[in-house]
N, C-alpha and C. Protein backbone atom coordinates (compact mmCIF):
# COMPACT_ATOMS: atom_id res chain seq x y z
N MET A 1 117.56 118.06 72.71
CA MET A 1 118.42 117.89 74.03
C MET A 1 119.09 116.58 73.84
N ASN A 2 120.49 116.54 74.14
CA ASN A 2 121.24 115.37 74.18
C ASN A 2 120.92 114.64 75.17
N LYS A 3 120.82 113.22 75.14
CA LYS A 3 120.59 112.24 76.13
C LYS A 3 121.86 111.81 76.62
N LYS A 4 121.87 111.67 78.06
CA LYS A 4 123.00 111.16 78.79
C LYS A 4 122.68 109.93 79.39
N PHE A 5 123.62 108.91 79.35
CA PHE A 5 123.33 107.65 80.09
C PHE A 5 124.54 107.31 80.84
N ARG A 6 124.35 106.27 81.75
CA ARG A 6 125.38 105.54 82.28
C ARG A 6 125.08 104.17 82.20
N ILE A 7 126.14 103.28 82.21
CA ILE A 7 125.85 101.83 81.84
C ILE A 7 126.51 101.01 82.96
N TRP A 8 125.63 100.16 83.67
CA TRP A 8 126.14 99.28 84.68
C TRP A 8 126.55 97.97 84.08
N ASP A 9 127.63 97.56 84.40
CA ASP A 9 128.38 96.32 83.84
C ASP A 9 127.94 95.20 84.98
N GLU A 10 126.96 94.37 84.50
CA GLU A 10 126.55 93.31 85.56
C GLU A 10 127.62 92.14 85.97
N GLU A 11 128.48 91.97 85.04
CA GLU A 11 129.64 91.14 85.34
C GLU A 11 130.70 91.50 86.16
N ASN A 12 131.04 92.79 85.96
CA ASN A 12 132.15 93.42 86.82
C ASN A 12 131.62 94.22 87.89
N LEU A 13 130.45 94.46 88.00
CA LEU A 13 129.69 95.12 89.09
C LEU A 13 130.23 96.65 89.22
N LEU A 14 130.33 97.30 88.10
CA LEU A 14 130.66 98.69 88.19
C LEU A 14 130.09 99.45 86.91
N TYR A 15 130.02 100.80 86.97
CA TYR A 15 129.70 101.49 85.89
C TYR A 15 130.76 101.59 84.72
N LEU A 16 130.57 101.51 83.57
CA LEU A 16 131.51 101.50 82.53
C LEU A 16 132.59 102.66 82.62
N ALA A 17 132.13 103.74 82.99
CA ALA A 17 132.97 105.06 83.04
C ALA A 17 134.11 104.78 84.13
N GLU A 18 134.00 103.87 85.16
CA GLU A 18 134.76 103.58 86.16
C GLU A 18 135.95 102.57 85.68
N GLN A 19 135.67 101.85 84.43
CA GLN A 19 136.70 101.00 84.06
C GLN A 19 137.38 101.44 82.69
N GLU A 20 137.27 102.71 82.51
CA GLU A 20 137.84 103.40 81.23
C GLU A 20 139.50 103.28 81.47
N SER A 21 140.17 102.82 80.35
CA SER A 21 141.53 102.88 80.47
C SER A 21 142.04 102.84 78.97
N TRP A 22 143.31 103.00 78.77
CA TRP A 22 143.91 102.92 77.51
C TRP A 22 143.58 101.44 76.85
N GLY A 23 143.01 101.38 75.88
CA GLY A 23 142.74 100.08 75.18
C GLY A 23 141.21 99.49 75.49
N ALA A 24 140.44 100.38 76.35
CA ALA A 24 139.19 99.96 76.71
C ALA A 24 138.33 100.03 75.55
N PRO A 25 137.25 99.10 75.35
CA PRO A 25 136.46 99.28 74.15
C PRO A 25 135.38 100.41 74.23
N ILE A 26 135.01 100.87 73.06
CA ILE A 26 134.24 102.05 72.94
C ILE A 26 132.55 101.45 73.09
N VAL A 27 131.89 101.93 73.81
CA VAL A 27 130.48 101.48 74.14
C VAL A 27 129.56 102.46 73.60
N SER A 28 128.50 102.00 72.76
CA SER A 28 127.60 102.87 72.36
C SER A 28 126.09 102.31 72.62
N VAL A 29 125.19 103.16 72.76
CA VAL A 29 123.80 102.63 72.98
C VAL A 29 123.04 102.94 71.68
N ALA A 30 122.28 101.92 71.15
CA ALA A 30 121.60 102.19 69.90
C ALA A 30 120.19 102.67 70.41
N LEU A 31 119.42 103.15 69.41
CA LEU A 31 118.05 103.60 69.60
C LEU A 31 117.15 102.63 70.16
N ASP A 32 117.33 101.41 69.90
CA ASP A 32 116.36 100.38 70.60
C ASP A 32 116.78 99.87 71.90
N GLY A 33 117.89 100.56 72.41
CA GLY A 33 118.36 100.33 73.82
C GLY A 33 119.43 99.30 73.89
N SER A 34 119.81 98.67 72.87
CA SER A 34 120.84 97.55 72.86
C SER A 34 122.24 98.31 72.97
N VAL A 35 123.15 97.51 73.64
CA VAL A 35 124.53 98.04 73.89
C VAL A 35 125.40 97.39 72.90
N TRP A 36 126.12 98.18 72.15
CA TRP A 36 127.10 97.86 71.18
C TRP A 36 128.43 98.27 71.69
N VAL A 37 129.44 97.27 71.52
CA VAL A 37 130.86 97.39 71.91
C VAL A 37 131.80 97.28 70.76
N GLN A 38 132.59 98.38 70.55
CA GLN A 38 133.60 98.27 69.48
C GLN A 38 134.93 97.91 70.13
N TYR A 39 135.44 96.88 69.73
CA TYR A 39 136.80 96.34 70.28
C TYR A 39 137.86 96.93 69.52
N LEU A 40 139.28 96.89 70.14
CA LEU A 40 140.32 97.22 69.53
C LEU A 40 140.61 96.64 68.13
N SER A 41 140.14 95.32 68.10
CA SER A 41 140.20 94.40 66.98
C SER A 41 139.53 95.14 65.75
N GLY A 42 138.52 96.09 66.05
CA GLY A 42 137.63 96.35 64.95
C GLY A 42 136.35 95.79 65.07
N ASP A 43 136.17 94.72 65.70
CA ASP A 43 134.82 94.02 65.86
C ASP A 43 133.86 94.72 66.63
N ASN A 44 132.64 94.89 66.06
CA ASN A 44 131.49 95.49 66.85
C ASN A 44 130.53 94.26 67.05
N LYS A 45 130.18 94.26 68.35
CA LYS A 45 129.35 93.31 68.90
C LYS A 45 128.17 93.89 69.77
N CYS A 46 127.01 93.27 69.58
CA CYS A 46 125.88 93.70 70.54
C CYS A 46 126.05 92.69 71.70
N GLU A 47 126.23 93.46 72.80
CA GLU A 47 126.59 92.51 74.13
C GLU A 47 125.37 92.61 75.10
N THR A 48 125.37 91.68 75.92
CA THR A 48 124.25 91.61 76.98
C THR A 48 125.04 91.63 78.28
N GLY A 49 124.27 91.87 79.35
CA GLY A 49 124.90 92.06 80.73
C GLY A 49 125.03 93.50 81.21
N TYR A 50 124.49 94.39 80.42
CA TYR A 50 124.54 95.80 80.81
C TYR A 50 123.29 96.44 81.00
N ILE A 51 123.20 97.22 81.90
CA ILE A 51 121.84 97.99 82.33
C ILE A 51 122.19 99.48 82.03
N ILE A 52 121.13 100.10 81.31
CA ILE A 52 121.33 101.40 80.87
C ILE A 52 120.53 102.21 81.69
N GLN A 53 121.03 103.40 82.21
CA GLN A 53 120.30 104.32 83.14
C GLN A 53 120.43 105.64 82.41
N GLN A 54 119.14 106.34 82.30
CA GLN A 54 119.23 107.67 81.65
C GLN A 54 119.33 108.72 82.71
N TYR A 55 120.07 109.80 82.35
CA TYR A 55 119.98 111.08 83.16
C TYR A 55 118.59 111.70 82.97
N ILE A 56 118.04 112.15 84.03
CA ILE A 56 116.64 112.57 83.93
C ILE A 56 116.54 114.10 83.58
N GLY A 57 117.57 114.75 83.44
CA GLY A 57 117.55 116.14 83.17
C GLY A 57 117.62 117.21 84.28
N ILE A 58 117.73 116.68 85.62
CA ILE A 58 117.82 117.53 86.79
C ILE A 58 119.01 117.27 87.61
N GLN A 59 119.35 118.10 88.47
CA GLN A 59 120.41 117.78 89.39
C GLN A 59 119.84 118.01 90.74
N ASP A 60 120.56 117.42 91.72
CA ASP A 60 120.12 117.53 92.98
C ASP A 60 120.47 118.65 93.83
N LYS A 61 120.35 118.90 95.01
CA LYS A 61 120.84 120.30 95.72
C LYS A 61 122.23 120.42 95.75
N ASN A 62 123.11 119.40 95.41
CA ASN A 62 124.48 119.53 95.41
C ASN A 62 125.08 119.62 94.06
N ASN A 63 124.09 119.78 93.09
CA ASN A 63 124.51 119.81 91.66
C ASN A 63 124.99 118.40 91.12
N LYS A 64 124.62 117.31 91.70
CA LYS A 64 124.90 116.02 91.25
C LYS A 64 123.82 115.64 90.19
N GLU A 65 124.19 115.14 89.11
CA GLU A 65 123.13 114.66 88.09
C GLU A 65 122.39 113.41 88.64
N ILE A 66 121.08 113.51 88.34
CA ILE A 66 120.16 112.31 88.82
C ILE A 66 119.95 111.49 87.68
N TYR A 67 120.08 110.18 87.97
CA TYR A 67 119.86 109.04 86.86
C TYR A 67 118.77 108.16 87.45
N GLU A 68 118.04 107.60 86.35
CA GLU A 68 117.02 106.53 86.93
C GLU A 68 117.93 105.44 87.64
N GLY A 69 117.30 104.89 88.63
CA GLY A 69 118.04 104.07 89.51
C GLY A 69 118.79 104.57 90.55
N ASP A 70 118.95 105.83 90.71
CA ASP A 70 119.45 106.64 91.92
C ASP A 70 118.61 106.46 93.16
N ILE A 71 119.18 106.36 94.25
CA ILE A 71 118.54 106.37 95.46
C ILE A 71 118.67 107.77 95.96
N ILE A 72 117.41 108.48 96.24
CA ILE A 72 117.39 109.85 96.55
C ILE A 72 116.88 110.00 97.97
N GLU A 73 117.12 111.17 98.65
CA GLU A 73 116.44 111.60 99.77
C GLU A 73 115.77 112.80 99.32
N PHE A 74 114.54 113.05 99.80
CA PHE A 74 113.77 114.13 99.35
C PHE A 74 112.69 114.52 100.34
N SER A 75 112.10 115.75 100.09
CA SER A 75 111.01 116.32 101.02
C SER A 75 109.92 116.73 99.96
N LEU A 76 108.63 116.42 100.47
CA LEU A 76 107.51 116.81 99.69
C LEU A 76 106.96 118.27 100.04
N PRO A 77 106.38 119.01 99.16
CA PRO A 77 105.84 120.31 99.53
C PRO A 77 104.99 120.29 100.57
N ALA A 78 104.11 119.22 101.06
CA ALA A 78 103.01 119.28 101.94
C ALA A 78 103.53 119.18 103.36
N ASP A 79 104.76 118.68 103.54
CA ASP A 79 105.21 118.47 104.88
C ASP A 79 106.83 118.49 104.87
N ASP A 80 107.40 118.41 106.16
CA ASP A 80 108.75 118.48 106.15
C ASP A 80 109.42 117.10 106.49
N THR A 81 108.61 116.04 106.24
CA THR A 81 109.21 114.66 106.47
C THR A 81 110.23 114.36 105.37
N ILE A 82 111.31 113.66 105.62
CA ILE A 82 112.15 113.37 104.72
C ILE A 82 112.12 111.96 104.35
N TYR A 83 112.08 111.58 103.06
CA TYR A 83 111.71 110.19 102.41
C TYR A 83 113.04 109.88 101.80
N MET A 84 113.06 108.56 101.44
CA MET A 84 114.08 107.94 100.64
C MET A 84 113.43 107.01 99.58
N GLY A 85 113.87 107.24 98.35
CA GLY A 85 113.26 106.29 97.33
C GLY A 85 114.11 106.18 96.22
N LYS A 86 113.71 105.38 95.27
CA LYS A 86 114.57 105.23 94.02
C LYS A 86 113.81 105.94 92.84
N VAL A 87 114.70 106.65 91.98
CA VAL A 87 114.25 107.09 90.68
C VAL A 87 113.82 106.08 89.66
N ILE A 88 112.57 106.27 89.18
CA ILE A 88 112.01 105.26 88.26
C ILE A 88 111.35 105.98 86.96
N TRP A 89 111.31 105.30 85.95
CA TRP A 89 110.56 105.71 84.81
C TRP A 89 109.10 105.33 84.92
N CYS A 90 108.04 106.18 84.94
CA CYS A 90 106.56 105.95 85.22
C CYS A 90 106.03 105.84 83.68
N GLU A 91 105.83 104.66 83.31
CA GLU A 91 105.33 104.49 81.94
C GLU A 91 103.96 105.03 81.66
N ASP A 92 103.06 105.07 82.73
CA ASP A 92 101.62 105.53 82.50
C ASP A 92 101.70 107.13 82.39
N THR A 93 102.77 107.70 82.96
CA THR A 93 102.64 109.17 82.75
C THR A 93 103.76 109.71 81.81
N LEU A 94 104.63 108.62 81.43
CA LEU A 94 105.83 109.07 80.57
C LEU A 94 106.76 110.14 81.21
N SER A 95 107.03 109.93 82.41
CA SER A 95 107.80 110.84 83.15
C SER A 95 108.61 110.07 84.33
N TYR A 96 109.68 110.75 84.86
CA TYR A 96 110.37 110.19 85.94
C TYR A 96 109.65 110.39 87.24
N GLY A 97 109.81 109.49 88.26
CA GLY A 97 109.22 109.67 89.41
C GLY A 97 110.08 108.92 90.49
N VAL A 98 109.51 108.93 91.71
CA VAL A 98 110.21 108.16 92.74
C VAL A 98 109.32 107.20 93.32
N SER A 99 109.81 106.05 93.59
CA SER A 99 109.08 104.84 94.23
C SER A 99 109.63 104.96 95.63
N PHE A 100 108.78 104.97 96.55
CA PHE A 100 109.20 104.95 98.01
C PHE A 100 108.12 104.34 98.83
N SER A 101 108.54 103.77 99.95
CA SER A 101 107.50 103.21 100.92
C SER A 101 107.06 104.29 101.93
N ILE A 102 105.78 104.29 102.20
CA ILE A 102 105.16 105.24 103.24
C ILE A 102 105.17 104.27 104.59
N GLU A 103 104.62 103.27 104.49
CA GLU A 103 104.77 102.30 105.57
C GLU A 103 105.31 100.92 105.18
N SER A 104 105.63 100.05 105.92
CA SER A 104 106.32 98.89 105.51
C SER A 104 105.58 98.01 104.43
N SER A 105 104.31 98.19 104.26
CA SER A 105 103.56 97.36 103.34
C SER A 105 102.97 98.20 102.20
N GLU A 106 103.21 99.38 102.23
CA GLU A 106 102.73 100.25 101.01
C GLU A 106 103.81 100.83 100.26
N GLU A 107 103.26 101.24 98.99
CA GLU A 107 104.28 101.83 98.19
C GLU A 107 103.66 102.98 97.56
N ALA A 108 104.24 104.06 97.38
CA ALA A 108 103.64 105.27 96.68
C ALA A 108 104.56 105.69 95.62
N HIS A 109 104.03 106.41 94.62
CA HIS A 109 104.88 106.95 93.47
C HIS A 109 104.61 108.46 93.48
N ILE A 110 105.68 109.20 93.20
CA ILE A 110 105.57 110.63 92.89
C ILE A 110 105.98 110.68 91.24
N GLU A 111 104.89 110.92 90.64
CA GLU A 111 105.05 110.83 89.13
C GLU A 111 105.82 112.06 88.51
N ASP A 112 105.76 113.19 89.32
CA ASP A 112 106.48 114.26 88.77
C ASP A 112 107.59 114.61 89.78
N LEU A 113 108.75 114.25 89.50
CA LEU A 113 109.85 114.43 90.40
C LEU A 113 110.21 115.93 90.57
N TYR A 114 109.76 116.80 89.73
CA TYR A 114 109.99 118.25 89.76
C TYR A 114 109.12 118.83 90.86
N SER A 115 108.18 118.00 91.44
CA SER A 115 107.29 118.68 92.56
C SER A 115 107.83 118.48 93.85
N VAL A 116 108.87 117.96 94.05
CA VAL A 116 109.38 117.74 95.54
C VAL A 116 110.16 119.10 95.79
N LYS A 117 110.26 119.28 97.05
CA LYS A 117 110.88 120.45 97.59
C LYS A 117 112.40 120.53 97.34
N TRP A 118 113.02 119.42 97.66
CA TRP A 118 114.57 119.39 97.37
C TRP A 118 114.98 117.88 97.28
N VAL A 119 115.93 117.60 96.69
CA VAL A 119 116.46 116.15 96.34
C VAL A 119 117.85 116.19 96.65
N LYS A 120 118.34 114.99 97.18
CA LYS A 120 119.74 114.67 97.38
C LYS A 120 120.00 113.28 96.95
N VAL A 121 120.96 113.17 96.02
CA VAL A 121 121.33 111.72 95.63
C VAL A 121 122.21 111.00 96.67
N LEU A 122 121.83 109.91 97.21
CA LEU A 122 122.46 109.11 98.19
C LEU A 122 123.23 108.04 97.72
N GLY A 123 122.88 107.41 96.50
CA GLY A 123 123.65 106.40 96.00
C GLY A 123 122.74 105.83 94.79
N ASN A 124 122.84 104.66 94.56
CA ASN A 124 122.14 103.97 93.40
C ASN A 124 121.76 102.44 93.76
N ILE A 125 120.93 101.91 92.90
CA ILE A 125 120.23 100.71 93.32
C ILE A 125 121.29 99.48 93.21
N PHE A 126 122.44 99.68 92.47
CA PHE A 126 123.43 98.59 92.33
C PHE A 126 124.52 98.65 93.27
N GLU A 127 125.09 99.83 93.59
CA GLU A 127 126.01 99.95 94.67
C GLU A 127 125.49 99.98 96.09
N ASN A 128 124.21 100.40 96.17
CA ASN A 128 123.71 100.59 97.50
C ASN A 128 122.29 100.10 97.68
N PRO A 129 121.95 98.92 97.30
CA PRO A 129 120.54 98.34 97.48
C PRO A 129 120.06 98.38 98.82
N GLU A 130 120.79 98.26 99.82
CA GLU A 130 120.40 98.30 101.21
C GLU A 130 119.81 99.53 101.60
N MET A 131 120.06 100.67 100.81
CA MET A 131 119.51 101.95 101.22
C MET A 131 118.03 102.31 101.08
N ILE A 132 117.37 101.45 100.22
CA ILE A 132 115.98 101.60 99.91
C ILE A 132 115.20 101.04 101.13
N LYS A 133 114.62 102.23 101.91
CA LYS A 133 113.74 101.70 103.00
C LYS A 133 112.66 102.79 103.43
N GLY A 134 112.68 103.82 102.86
CA GLY A 134 111.53 104.66 103.04
C GLY A 134 111.76 105.91 103.77
N LYS A 135 110.80 106.00 104.78
CA LYS A 135 110.89 107.23 105.66
C LYS A 135 112.07 107.15 106.66
N ILE A 136 112.60 108.30 106.71
CA ILE A 136 113.92 108.37 107.57
C ILE A 136 113.42 109.14 108.87
N GLU A 137 113.63 108.51 110.00
CA GLU A 137 113.17 109.19 111.34
C GLU A 137 114.45 110.08 111.75
N ARG A 138 113.98 111.26 112.02
CA ARG A 138 115.08 112.22 112.63
C ARG A 138 114.73 112.57 113.97
């Protein structure tokens, strides 16, 4: 399976795909996670200031690709409550999951994102950090 990534530019505060233009450098991600930039001059440099987010292999209910760091709205199989959380990599289970608040002082994780009823991407942690708040009252 091919891996897909998006790269957040911390200096310019946007994803690299959004700044593509004629003459833009070519950006590559090495196996160790470092970001390499090939400039028009032919120079290759390992750069800092970029955050790599991987596509997790599934799409939301609107066919939008889901990446780690996305803020999603979802429902669990056990109830019809709608939750909001961010997509994370769970090191202990080696899978993607969602970190979300149940109450203001608690945090819970869904280690298997495939177990939710439905998912909708609302934004991401860089462009919409104010959206991470947990349970949505309807």
